[in-house]
Amino acid sequence: GQGLRFGPGKADLLTRIRETGSVAAAAAAMGMSYRRAWSLVAEANRAFRAPLVELSRGGEGGGGARLTKEGEAVLASYRALADLVLVEIADDRGGIGLV
């Protein structure tokens, strides 16, 4: 396998999609190209058993995007893991103290 390809970039993108309901708005908020954001979403959707982002075709204002139950779960797990890692680093007296 190619390993699990889910990191801070995708986590931030998913968070913005959840907040904005739009891949385009999420990309703009991150200063990322729309095309790059779409490719990250497609990659994330392929990497897991079920898609993380559900896309709907739009009419007037374009399509929408929202996180699926799987997407919410993956994001929550990632955030919990990231918090745990930061706490571990902060607790390691010989390591880097994070402010």
Protein backbone atom coordinates (compact mmCIF):
# COMPACT_ATOMS: atom_id res chain seq x y z
CA GLY A 1 0.00 0.00 0.00
CA GLN A 2 0.93 3.62 -0.28
CA GLY A 3 0.34 4.30 3.41
CA LEU A 4 -2.15 6.65 4.95
CA ARG A 5 -2.03 10.00 3.24
CA PHE A 6 -3.93 12.24 5.59
CA GLY A 7 -2.19 15.16 7.25
CA PRO A 8 -2.60 18.76 8.37
CA GLY A 9 -3.37 20.07 4.88
CA LYS A 10 -6.30 17.74 4.32
CA ALA A 11 -7.49 18.16 7.90
CA ASP A 12 -7.56 21.95 7.46
CA LEU A 13 -9.29 21.63 4.10
CA LEU A 14 -11.97 19.33 5.55
CA THR A 15 -12.46 21.74 8.45
CA ARG A 16 -12.96 24.66 6.04
CA ILE A 17 -15.33 22.61 3.89
CA ARG A 18 -17.35 21.83 7.01
CA GLU A 19 -17.43 25.54 7.91
CA THR A 20 -18.16 26.92 4.44
CA GLY A 21 -20.08 24.13 2.74
CA SER A 22 -17.99 24.69 -0.38
CA VAL A 23 -14.73 23.39 -1.85
CA ALA A 24 -14.19 26.72 -3.64
CA ALA A 25 -14.67 28.78 -0.46
CA ALA A 26 -12.46 26.40 1.53
CA ALA A 27 -9.71 26.69 -1.09
CA ALA A 28 -9.98 30.50 -1.17
CA ALA A 29 -9.79 30.70 2.63
CA MET A 30 -6.56 28.69 2.54
CA GLY A 31 -5.03 30.55 -0.39
CA MET A 32 -5.09 27.29 -2.34
CA SER A 33 -6.10 26.85 -5.96
CA TYR A 34 -9.55 25.41 -6.58
CA ARG A 35 -7.98 22.66 -8.66
CA ARG A 36 -5.56 21.69 -5.87
CA ALA A 37 -8.39 21.61 -3.33
CA TRP A 38 -10.44 19.34 -5.62
CA SER A 39 -7.51 16.97 -6.08
CA LEU A 40 -6.98 16.78 -2.29
CA VAL A 41 -10.68 16.04 -1.78
CA ALA A 42 -10.60 13.32 -4.45
CA GLU A 43 -7.45 11.82 -2.89
CA ALA A 44 -8.99 11.84 0.59
CA ASN A 45 -12.20 10.26 -0.75
CA ARG A 46 -10.22 7.44 -2.39
CA ALA A 47 -8.00 6.81 0.63
CA PHE A 48 -10.81 5.67 2.92
CA ARG A 49 -13.50 2.99 2.80
CA ALA A 50 -16.19 5.61 2.34
CA PRO A 51 -15.93 9.13 0.90
CA LEU A 52 -15.06 11.85 3.43
CA VAL A 53 -16.67 14.66 1.43
CA GLU A 54 -20.03 14.50 -0.29
CA LEU A 55 -20.43 16.81 -3.26
CA SER A 56 -23.70 18.06 -4.67
CA ARG A 57 -24.19 19.57 -8.09
CA GLY A 58 -25.35 23.12 -7.73
CA GLY A 59 -27.65 25.38 -9.65
CA GLU A 60 -27.28 29.15 -9.41
CA GLY A 61 -24.59 29.44 -6.75
CA GLY A 62 -22.62 26.37 -7.75
CA GLY A 63 -22.41 23.04 -5.97
CA GLY A 64 -22.07 22.42 -2.30
CA ALA A 65 -19.85 20.14 -0.27
CA ARG A 66 -20.23 18.63 3.15
CA LEU A 67 -18.46 16.10 5.29
CA THR A 68 -19.94 12.63 5.44
CA LYS A 69 -20.21 10.74 8.74
CA GLU A 70 -16.92 9.08 7.78
CA GLY A 71 -15.37 12.49 7.11
CA GLU A 72 -16.47 13.81 10.50
CA ALA A 73 -15.07 10.70 12.21
CA VAL A 74 -11.72 10.85 10.39
CA LEU A 75 -11.36 14.55 11.14
CA ALA A 76 -12.22 14.06 14.82
CA SER A 77 -9.74 11.17 15.11
CA TYR A 78 -7.04 13.18 13.38
CA ARG A 79 -7.60 16.19 15.65
CA ALA A 80 -7.52 14.00 18.77
CA LEU A 81 -4.29 12.37 17.61
CA ALA A 82 -2.71 15.74 16.77
CA ASP A 83 -3.67 17.11 20.20
CA LEU A 84 -2.17 14.04 21.86
CA VAL A 85 1.09 14.40 19.94
CA LEU A 86 1.36 18.10 20.84
CA VAL A 87 0.76 17.29 24.51
CA GLU A 88 3.45 14.59 24.40
CA ILE A 89 5.96 17.01 22.87
CA ALA A 90 5.09 19.72 25.36
CA ASP A 91 5.46 17.28 28.28
CA ASP A 92 8.86 16.10 27.13
CA ARG A 93 11.17 18.33 29.17
CA GLY A 94 14.12 17.66 26.88
CA GLY A 95 12.09 18.46 23.79
CA ILE A 96 10.62 21.53 22.27
CA GLY A 97 8.20 23.43 24.48
CA LEU A 98 5.24 24.57 22.43
CA VAL A 99 3.66 27.84 23.45
